[in-house]
Protein backbone atom coordinates (compact mmCIF):
# COMPACT_ATOMS: atom_id res chain seq x y z
CA MET A 1 102.42 0.86 -22.91
CA LEU A 2 103.39 -1.25 -26.00
CA TYR A 3 106.93 0.64 -25.74
CA ASN A 4 107.70 -1.27 -22.42
CA LYS A 5 106.60 -4.61 -23.75
CA LEU A 6 109.54 -7.45 -24.60
CA ASP A 7 108.47 -7.34 -27.67
CA PHE A 8 109.61 -3.75 -28.66
CA VAL A 9 112.53 -3.00 -25.83
CA ASN A 10 116.00 -2.24 -27.20
CA VAL A 11 115.07 -3.48 -30.32
CA LYS A 12 116.86 -1.75 -32.88
CA LEU A 13 114.48 -0.27 -36.60
CA THR A 14 116.36 -1.41 -39.37
CA LEU A 15 116.04 2.61 -40.34
CA GLU A 16 117.92 3.28 -36.86
CA LEU A 17 119.81 0.74 -38.12
CA ALA A 18 121.06 1.76 -41.39
CA CYS A 19 121.73 5.67 -40.30
CA ALA A 20 124.39 4.79 -37.68
CA SER A 21 126.17 3.43 -39.84
CA GLU A 22 126.77 5.91 -42.73
CA GLU A 23 127.19 8.04 -39.91
CA VAL A 24 123.65 10.02 -40.60
CA CYS A 25 122.34 11.24 -37.12
CA VAL A 26 118.24 10.80 -37.41
CA LEU A 27 115.76 12.14 -34.36
CA PHE A 28 113.89 9.25 -33.59
CA LEU A 29 110.90 10.56 -31.60
CA PRO A 30 109.20 8.02 -28.69
CA LYS A 31 107.38 5.50 -30.58
CA PHE A 32 103.09 4.96 -29.95
CA HIS A 33 103.10 8.85 -29.06
CA CYS A 34 100.12 10.64 -31.08
CA LYS A 35 101.41 13.96 -29.78
CA LEU A 36 105.22 13.54 -30.97
CA HIS A 37 104.03 11.97 -34.43
CA PHE A 38 105.93 14.19 -37.51
CA ILE A 39 102.41 15.12 -39.32
CA GLU A 40 100.80 16.10 -35.16
CA GLN A 41 104.14 18.31 -35.40
CA CYS A 42 103.61 19.87 -39.05
CA TRP A 43 100.01 20.17 -38.05
CA CYS A 44 99.44 22.73 -34.80
CA ILE A 45 102.16 25.37 -36.59
CA THR A 46 99.52 25.67 -39.20
CA ASN A 47 96.41 25.44 -37.53
CA PRO A 48 95.64 28.70 -35.76
CA THR A 49 97.03 30.36 -39.25
CA SER A 50 94.53 28.39 -40.87
CA SER A 51 91.73 28.59 -38.89
CA LYS A 52 91.20 32.22 -38.62
CA GLU A 53 90.77 32.78 -42.82
CA GLU A 54 88.08 32.43 -44.45
CA ASP A 55 90.02 30.94 -47.58
CA LEU A 56 91.07 27.89 -45.75
CA GLU A 57 92.45 26.21 -48.73
CA ARG A 58 95.11 28.84 -49.58
CA ASN A 59 95.90 29.75 -45.72
CA VAL A 60 97.11 25.54 -45.40
CA VAL A 61 98.57 25.37 -48.76
CA GLU A 62 100.57 29.29 -47.60
CA THR A 63 100.58 27.80 -43.94
CA LEU A 64 102.54 24.22 -44.18
CA GLN A 65 105.28 25.82 -46.95
CA SER A 66 105.61 27.87 -44.17
CA VAL A 67 106.89 24.77 -42.12
CA THR A 68 110.43 25.08 -42.30
CA LEU A 69 112.79 21.75 -41.43
CA ASP A 70 113.49 23.30 -38.44
CA HIS A 71 110.42 21.80 -37.18
CA MET A 72 109.39 18.89 -39.34
């Protein structure tokens, strides 16, 4: 909803401008969308594995390390 407000429409982020000037390709996800938030994407990949094992701490560390850059 906020994304469509006049204050947010067609506003370039400083990061977008910096990346464009350096010809760096960056994936920008929709603003204010919780399901497309970076940490949510990583957690969705790791959650099923971490919830099945008894040793939760060990499992979370292992599964988070298994998240590749392609998933981020």
